[in-house]
Amino acid sequence: MRLAEFIEKRREKILDESSAYARSLPALDDASRTVLRDHLPLILDIICEDLRCPQNRDQSIQKSLGHAPDSSAETPARTHGTMRAKSGLSIEQVVAEYRVLRSCVLRLWAEENRLGEHDIDDITRFNEAIDQAIAESVAYYSAEVEKWRNIFISVIGHDLRNPLGAMLMTGELLSRVTTGRAAEYVQAVLRDGRRMTRLLDSLLDYNNFSLGRGMVIQRAHADLAEECAQELEILRRAFPHRQFSIALKGNMSGLFDSSRVREALANLISNAVQYSPDDSVIGVDIMGTHATVEISTMNVASAISPETLLTLFDPLHRLSQHEARTGNLGLGLFIVREIARAHRGTASAAAIEGGVRFTLSLPRADVVEYKEWAGEQRG
């Protein structure tokens, strides 16, 4: 008896044994029979259909490599992964369900069937179909978990803003009426509170990007030389033990979201402070060309591999703990890249002698906006 025919013939026994295992999982111990069996019958139907479909050697190899034909349509395996995530199962338990299903089918078939001419091919095809179902379930399980994780971060971030804002407001009021040593303590609280605010803002920005919301910017006329110089003064006060230099060249005015650009500069400099020696000078170069303004910072550091350079702007990326000087979320450079993209610009890192140069390249505006703005300036 071919395997597809056997699965259809012993379908109820297979489902009973598989659902009995599912009931042993704590998250499903009180689930109904319908929930325990939910998508498994449809998954078995698809497997049987696959077993009966001709397949050549190249197709088999591609499927084993995970290159099976993809479809945007919902499949029982994808739905199964999503629903199991909502039920509270772990990813290991979801995979275990498929292991039990695989074992149940092959064991029952071996007990009732003598190995025939086509059985090795059937077993191979069956395992490929199960692996494909696992891959789909795991992918959709992970997507569902990530969605709820992002929602959770959004809720927590929103709830943290109110008490943090109240704390900073109280600190500001205390700073006006305290003197001496007490005033120093209040300033320390304010510095830490503002740092917490920046970390929270970065985390919520990252969460918005993960949920598919792009960064929204508000362009207005700005002189980035003036804006960056003002931000650098704030950073000098934030890092009083470090030395900074700034070099300006060309016209740096245009249509930008100056608040976001200053945020990007602050992240670049914070990164340089974190990964450069204490006695090194952190240089900021700002150069205006015909259509762009480029902001560059230099990190004095040991050689970095080309592979590492490619990942520096990835979210939650960190160099080794030995290289890191202060703790953070690893989102600073990621936010820089997103600010650049929102301006339709680029953020890049290049290894140079003695360190790494980070460059933020920003078009003065979209083409139409720039022409209109440039005409107004000439008028």
Protein backbone atom coordinates (compact mmCIF):
# COMPACT_ATOMS: atom_id res chain seq x y z
CA MET A 1 0.00 0.00 0.00
CA ARG A 2 1.44 3.37 -1.02
CA LEU A 3 1.96 5.86 1.80
CA ALA A 4 -0.61 8.40 0.57
CA GLU A 5 -3.29 5.72 0.47
CA PHE A 6 -2.31 4.49 3.94
CA ILE A 7 -2.51 8.00 5.45
CA GLU A 8 -6.02 8.42 4.05
CA LYS A 9 -7.06 4.96 5.27
CA ARG A 10 -5.66 5.37 8.82
CA ARG A 11 -6.34 9.10 9.07
CA GLU A 12 -8.42 8.93 12.29
CA LYS A 13 -5.91 6.76 14.16
CA ILE A 14 -3.06 9.05 13.12
CA LEU A 15 -4.99 12.12 14.27
CA ASP A 16 -5.99 10.50 17.55
CA GLU A 17 -2.39 9.64 18.46
CA SER A 18 -1.12 13.07 17.39
CA SER A 19 -3.81 14.96 19.34
CA ALA A 20 -3.13 12.78 22.40
CA TYR A 21 0.43 14.14 22.41
CA ALA A 22 -0.81 17.71 21.92
CA ARG A 23 -3.04 17.33 24.99
CA SER A 24 0.05 16.43 27.05
CA LEU A 25 1.43 19.94 26.49
CA PRO A 26 0.54 22.29 29.41
CA ALA A 27 -0.67 25.05 27.10
CA LEU A 28 -3.19 22.66 25.50
CA ASP A 29 -4.10 20.35 28.39
CA ASP A 30 -7.64 21.72 28.60
CA ALA A 31 -8.14 22.30 24.88
CA SER A 32 -11.06 20.74 23.06
CA ARG A 33 -10.65 17.83 20.65
CA THR A 34 -11.37 20.22 17.79
CA VAL A 35 -8.54 22.55 18.78
CA LEU A 36 -6.11 19.67 19.28
CA ARG A 37 -6.77 18.30 15.81
CA ASP A 38 -7.52 21.70 14.18
CA HIS A 39 -5.28 21.98 11.11
CA LEU A 40 -3.67 18.52 11.14
CA PRO A 41 -6.28 16.92 8.82
CA LEU A 42 -5.69 19.63 6.22
CA ILE A 43 -1.93 19.26 6.59
CA LEU A 44 -2.26 15.50 5.98
CA ASP A 45 -4.42 16.21 2.89
CA ILE A 46 -1.74 18.47 1.44
CA ILE A 47 0.95 15.86 2.19
CA CYS A 48 -1.06 13.18 0.41
CA GLU A 49 -1.55 15.49 -2.57
CA ASP A 50 2.19 16.18 -2.63
CA LEU A 51 3.01 12.44 -2.49
CA ARG A 52 0.86 11.81 -5.55
CA CYS A 53 2.38 14.68 -7.51
CA PRO A 54 5.32 13.76 -9.83
CA GLN A 55 8.68 15.15 -8.72
CA ASN A 56 12.06 14.90 -10.45
CA ARG A 57 15.50 14.81 -8.82
CA ASP A 58 16.21 18.53 -9.22
CA GLN A 59 12.86 19.43 -7.63
CA SER A 60 13.66 17.15 -4.71
CA ILE A 61 17.06 18.77 -4.18
CA GLN A 62 15.58 22.27 -4.31
CA LYS A 63 12.91 21.32 -1.79
CA SER A 64 15.55 19.88 0.57
CA LEU A 65 17.40 23.21 0.40
CA GLY A 66 14.28 25.08 1.45
CA HIS A 67 13.57 26.35 -2.06
CA ALA A 68 10.15 24.81 -2.41
CA PRO A 69 7.72 26.88 -4.50
CA ASP A 70 6.37 29.65 -2.30
CA SER A 71 2.82 30.91 -2.29
CA SER A 72 1.28 34.03 -0.84
CA ALA A 73 -1.90 32.07 -0.12
CA GLU A 74 -2.60 30.94 3.44
CA THR A 75 -1.81 27.27 4.06
CA PRO A 76 -2.90 25.00 6.94
CA ALA A 77 0.70 24.85 8.19
CA ARG A 78 0.96 28.65 8.28
CA THR A 79 -2.37 28.96 10.08
CA HIS A 80 -1.30 26.22 12.49
CA GLY A 81 1.88 28.12 13.41
CA THR A 82 -0.02 31.36 13.98
CA MET A 83 -2.70 29.74 16.14
CA ARG A 84 -0.18 27.77 18.21
CA ALA A 85 1.65 31.03 18.97
CA LYS A 86 -1.63 32.53 20.19
CA SER A 87 -2.24 29.41 22.31
CA GLY A 88 1.01 29.96 24.18
CA LEU A 89 3.01 26.99 22.88
CA SER A 90 6.78 27.29 22.60
CA ILE A 91 8.48 26.90 19.25
CA GLU A 92 9.97 23.61 20.49
CA GLN A 93 6.47 22.27 21.21
CA VAL A 94 5.23 23.23 17.75
CA VAL A 95 8.12 21.35 16.13
CA ALA A 96 7.52 18.42 18.50
CA GLU A 97 3.93 18.18 17.22
CA TYR A 98 5.27 17.54 13.75
CA ARG A 99 7.83 15.05 15.06
CA VAL A 100 5.01 13.07 16.67
CA LEU A 101 2.94 13.25 13.47
CA ARG A 102 5.91 12.03 11.44
CA SER A 103 6.66 9.20 13.85
CA CYS A 104 3.03 8.16 14.11
CA VAL A 105 2.55 7.91 10.33
CA LEU A 106 5.78 6.01 9.66
CA ARG A 107 5.39 3.66 12.65
CA LEU A 108 1.81 2.69 11.87
CA TRP A 109 2.63 2.28 8.19
CA ALA A 110 5.62 0.02 8.98
CA GLU A 111 3.44 -2.13 11.23
CA GLU A 112 0.90 -2.73 8.46
CA ASN A 113 3.01 -2.59 5.34
CA ARG A 114 5.94 -4.56 3.97
CA LEU A 115 8.64 -2.50 2.28
CA GLY A 116 7.90 -2.30 -1.44
CA GLU A 117 9.49 -0.97 -4.60
CA HIS A 118 8.29 2.62 -4.22
CA ASP A 119 8.33 2.88 -0.44
CA ILE A 120 11.77 4.53 -0.06
CA ASP A 121 10.65 7.25 -2.46
CA ASP A 122 7.41 7.67 -0.51
CA ILE A 123 9.30 8.01 2.79
CA THR A 124 11.63 10.61 1.28
CA ARG A 125 8.74 12.58 -0.18
CA PHE A 126 6.81 12.36 3.10
CA ASN A 127 9.76 13.72 5.09
CA GLU A 128 10.19 16.57 2.62
CA ALA A 129 6.51 17.47 2.95
CA ILE A 130 6.67 17.40 6.75
CA ASP A 131 9.81 19.57 6.71
CA GLN A 132 8.07 22.07 4.44
CA ALA A 133 5.09 22.22 6.81
CA ILE A 134 7.44 22.74 9.77
CA ALA A 135 9.22 25.58 7.97
CA GLU A 136 5.92 27.33 7.23
CA SER A 137 4.57 26.87 10.76
CA VAL A 138 7.78 28.10 12.37
CA ALA A 139 7.94 31.18 10.12
CA TYR A 140 4.37 32.20 10.89
CA TYR A 141 4.73 31.32 14.57
CA SER A 142 7.77 33.62 14.76
CA ALA A 143 5.96 36.42 12.94
CA GLU A 144 3.02 36.21 15.36
CA VAL A 145 5.30 36.23 18.41
CA GLU A 146 7.25 39.20 17.02
CA LYS A 147 4.02 41.12 16.38
CA TRP A 148 2.87 40.73 19.97
CA ARG A 149 6.33 41.50 21.29
CA ASN A 150 6.29 44.79 19.40
CA ILE A 151 2.83 45.60 20.70
CA PHE A 152 4.02 44.86 24.22
CA ILE A 153 7.01 47.19 23.80
CA SER A 154 4.71 49.94 22.52
CA VAL A 155 2.42 49.60 25.54
CA ILE A 156 5.31 49.53 28.02
CA GLY A 157 6.96 52.50 26.32
CA HIS A 158 3.76 54.50 26.46
CA ASP A 159 3.24 53.65 30.13
CA LEU A 160 6.82 54.60 31.02
CA ARG A 161 6.62 58.02 29.42
CA ASN A 162 4.19 59.49 31.96
CA PRO A 163 6.11 58.72 35.17
CA LEU A 164 9.41 59.60 33.49
CA GLY A 165 8.03 62.93 32.31
CA ALA A 166 6.71 63.65 35.79
CA MET A 167 10.10 62.82 37.29
CA LEU A 168 11.90 65.20 34.91
CA MET A 169 9.40 67.99 35.52
CA THR A 170 9.87 67.60 39.27
CA GLY A 171 13.63 67.63 38.80
CA GLU A 172 13.44 70.83 36.75
CA LEU A 173 11.41 72.52 39.50
CA LEU A 174 13.85 71.34 42.19
CA SER A 175 16.81 72.61 40.17
CA ARG A 176 15.41 76.16 40.47
CA VAL A 177 15.16 76.12 44.27
CA THR A 178 18.17 74.05 45.36
CA THR A 179 21.78 75.13 45.78
CA GLY A 180 25.08 73.63 46.74
CA ARG A 181 25.53 69.87 46.98
CA ALA A 182 21.79 69.20 46.70
CA ALA A 183 21.74 70.99 43.33
CA GLU A 184 24.46 68.63 42.07
CA TYR A 185 22.34 65.65 43.02
CA VAL A 186 19.33 67.11 41.21
CA GLN A 187 21.40 67.66 38.06
CA ALA A 188 22.60 64.05 38.21
CA VAL A 189 18.98 62.88 38.39
CA LEU A 190 18.07 65.11 35.44
CA ARG A 191 20.99 63.80 33.34
CA ASP A 192 20.00 60.19 33.98
CA GLY A 193 16.33 60.96 33.35
CA ARG A 194 17.12 62.59 30.00
CA ARG A 195 19.30 59.64 29.06
CA MET A 196 16.44 57.28 29.91
CA THR A 197 14.17 59.40 27.71
CA ARG A 198 16.60 59.12 24.78
CA LEU A 199 16.87 55.34 25.25
CA LEU A 200 13.09 55.03 25.40
CA ASP A 201 12.67 57.17 22.28
CA SER A 202 15.18 54.99 20.39
CA LEU A 203 13.44 51.81 21.52
CA LEU A 204 10.03 53.11 20.43
CA ASP A 205 11.45 54.28 17.09
CA TYR A 206 12.89 50.82 16.51
CA ASN A 207 9.58 49.26 17.47
CA ASN A 208 7.70 51.45 14.99
CA PHE A 209 10.06 50.37 12.21
CA SER A 210 9.56 46.71 13.19
CA LEU A 211 5.80 47.19 12.88
CA GLY A 212 6.29 48.49 9.35
CA ARG A 213 5.85 52.17 10.12
CA GLY A 214 8.48 54.27 8.40
CA MET A 215 10.00 57.33 10.02
CA VAL A 216 8.02 60.48 9.27
CA ILE A 217 10.05 63.69 8.96
CA GLN A 218 9.00 67.33 8.77
CA ARG A 219 11.19 69.24 6.33
CA ALA A 220 11.76 72.94 6.87
CA HIS A 221 14.46 75.39 5.90
CA ALA A 222 17.49 74.86 8.13
CA ASP A 223 21.19 75.63 8.24
CA LEU A 224 22.82 72.41 9.36
CA ALA A 225 26.05 74.21 10.24
CA GLU A 226 24.19 76.18 12.88
CA GLU A 227 22.05 73.24 14.02
CA CYS A 228 25.00 70.86 14.36
CA ALA A 229 27.11 73.47 16.17
CA GLN A 230 24.33 73.93 18.72
CA GLU A 231 23.98 70.16 19.20
CA LEU A 232 27.74 69.82 19.61
CA GLU A 233 27.67 72.34 22.46
CA ILE A 234 25.06 70.23 24.23
CA LEU A 235 27.18 67.12 23.68
CA ARG A 236 30.26 68.87 25.08
CA ARG A 237 28.35 69.40 28.30
CA ALA A 238 27.12 65.81 28.26
CA PHE A 239 30.69 64.47 27.81
CA PRO A 240 32.87 67.05 29.61
CA HIS A 241 35.87 64.70 29.72
CA ARG A 242 36.07 64.39 25.91
CA GLN A 243 37.53 66.70 23.25
CA PHE A 244 35.56 67.63 20.12
CA SER A 245 36.41 69.49 16.93
CA ILE A 246 34.18 70.64 14.08
CA ALA A 247 35.13 71.52 10.49
CA LEU A 248 32.68 73.26 8.15
CA LYS A 249 32.91 73.58 4.39
CA GLY A 250 30.43 74.81 1.78
CA ASN A 251 26.78 75.74 1.96
CA MET A 252 24.89 73.62 4.51
CA SER A 253 21.39 75.07 4.22
CA GLY A 254 18.40 73.29 2.71
CA LEU A 255 15.14 71.57 3.57
CA PHE A 256 15.73 69.14 6.44
CA ASP A 257 14.12 67.84 9.59
CA SER A 258 16.68 69.58 11.77
CA SER A 259 15.51 67.86 14.97
CA ARG A 260 16.10 64.42 13.45
CA VAL A 261 19.44 65.47 11.96
CA ARG A 262 20.60 66.65 15.39
CA GLU A 263 19.46 63.31 16.81
CA ALA A 264 21.54 61.50 14.19
CA LEU A 265 24.60 63.63 15.03
CA ALA A 266 24.13 62.93 18.74
CA ASN A 267 23.98 59.19 18.04
CA LEU A 268 27.12 59.31 15.88
CA ILE A 269 29.05 61.20 18.54
CA SER A 270 27.76 58.98 21.35
CA ASN A 271 28.96 56.01 19.34
CA ALA A 272 32.38 57.65 18.92
CA VAL A 273 32.57 58.37 22.66
CA GLN A 274 31.70 54.77 23.44
CA TYR A 275 34.22 53.12 21.12
CA SER A 276 37.13 55.61 20.98
CA PRO A 277 39.92 56.01 23.55
CA ASP A 278 39.34 58.69 26.19
CA ASP A 279 42.32 60.75 25.02
CA SER A 280 41.28 60.82 21.34
CA VAL A 281 39.68 63.88 19.72
CA ILE A 282 36.26 63.27 18.19
CA GLY A 283 36.08 65.18 14.94
CA VAL A 284 32.92 66.25 13.13
CA ASP A 285 33.16 67.25 9.46
CA ILE A 286 30.19 68.90 7.74
CA MET A 287 30.45 69.57 4.03
CA GLY A 288 27.86 71.02 1.67
CA THR A 289 27.91 70.01 -2.00
CA HIS A 290 25.59 71.08 -4.81
CA ALA A 291 22.77 68.73 -3.81
CA THR A 292 23.71 67.21 -0.44
CA VAL A 293 25.07 67.93 3.00
CA GLU A 294 27.43 65.32 4.44
CA ILE A 295 28.04 64.91 8.18
CA SER A 296 30.98 62.70 9.15
CA THR A 297 32.48 61.54 12.43
CA MET A 298 35.66 59.60 13.04
CA ASN A 299 36.07 56.80 15.58
CA VAL A 300 39.67 56.13 16.57
CA ALA A 301 39.67 52.35 16.83
CA SER A 302 41.52 49.17 15.97
CA ALA A 303 40.95 47.53 12.60
CA ILE A 304 37.40 46.34 11.92
CA SER A 305 36.72 43.51 9.49
CA PRO A 306 34.70 44.16 6.30
CA GLU A 307 32.05 41.73 7.61
CA THR A 308 31.62 43.78 10.80
CA LEU A 309 31.37 47.02 8.81
CA LEU A 310 28.37 45.61 6.95
CA THR A 311 26.48 45.04 10.21
CA LEU A 312 27.23 48.24 12.13
CA PHE A 313 23.88 49.84 11.24
CA ASP A 314 21.87 46.72 12.03
CA PRO A 315 19.44 47.03 14.98
CA LEU A 316 20.66 45.78 18.36
CA HIS A 317 24.18 45.30 16.95
CA ARG A 318 26.99 45.59 19.46
CA LEU A 319 30.73 45.12 19.25
CA SER A 320 32.39 42.96 21.88
CA GLN A 321 31.86 43.85 25.53
CA HIS A 322 35.58 44.58 25.79
CA GLU A 323 35.23 47.31 23.16
CA ALA A 324 32.07 48.84 24.64
CA ARG A 325 32.63 51.52 27.26
CA THR A 326 29.04 52.23 28.27
CA GLY A 327 25.83 50.23 28.11
CA ASN A 328 23.14 51.03 25.58
CA LEU A 329 20.50 49.30 23.49
CA GLY A 330 22.63 49.09 20.34
CA LEU A 331 20.10 51.16 18.37
CA GLY A 332 22.01 54.42 17.83
CA LEU A 333 23.47 53.69 14.41
CA PHE A 334 20.26 51.98 13.31
CA ILE A 335 18.34 55.21 14.08
CA VAL A 336 20.99 57.17 12.12
CA ARG A 337 20.37 54.97 9.08
CA GLU A 338 16.59 55.38 9.34
CA ILE A 339 16.92 59.17 9.60
CA ALA A 340 19.06 59.11 6.46
CA ARG A 341 16.54 56.94 4.61
CA ALA A 342 13.65 59.19 5.66
CA HIS A 343 15.55 62.08 4.01
CA ARG A 344 16.19 59.81 0.99
CA GLY A 345 19.86 59.87 1.87
CA THR A 346 22.40 57.29 3.03
CA ALA A 347 24.38 56.35 6.11
CA SER A 348 27.67 54.52 5.65
CA ALA A 349 30.77 53.35 7.50
CA ALA A 350 34.24 53.00 6.02
CA ALA A 351 37.46 51.71 7.49
CA ILE A 352 40.25 54.28 7.28
CA GLU A 353 43.72 54.44 8.75
CA GLY A 354 43.38 54.59 12.49
CA GLY A 355 39.66 53.93 12.77
CA VAL A 356 36.24 54.09 11.16
CA ARG A 357 34.53 57.04 9.47
CA PHE A 358 30.74 57.28 9.64
CA THR A 359 29.06 59.48 7.03
CA LEU A 360 25.50 60.73 6.90
CA SER A 361 24.67 62.03 3.40
CA LEU A 362 21.45 64.05 3.15
CA PRO A 363 19.91 65.50 -0.03
CA ARG A 364 18.99 69.13 0.52
CA ALA A 365 15.38 68.15 -0.35
CA ASP A 366 13.34 66.12 -2.80
CA VAL A 367 14.07 67.27 -6.37
CA VAL A 368 10.85 69.28 -6.82
CA GLU A 369 11.06 70.77 -3.34
CA TYR A 370 14.70 71.68 -3.86
CA LYS A 371 14.05 73.46 -7.15
CA GLU A 372 11.23 75.44 -5.58
CA TRP A 373 13.34 76.30 -2.55
CA ALA A 374 16.42 77.20 -4.65
CA GLY A 375 14.25 79.49 -6.83
CA GLU A 376 12.98 81.25 -3.71
CA GLN A 377 16.55 81.74 -2.49
CA ARG A 378 17.67 83.25 -5.81
CA GLY A 379 14.55 85.48 -5.89
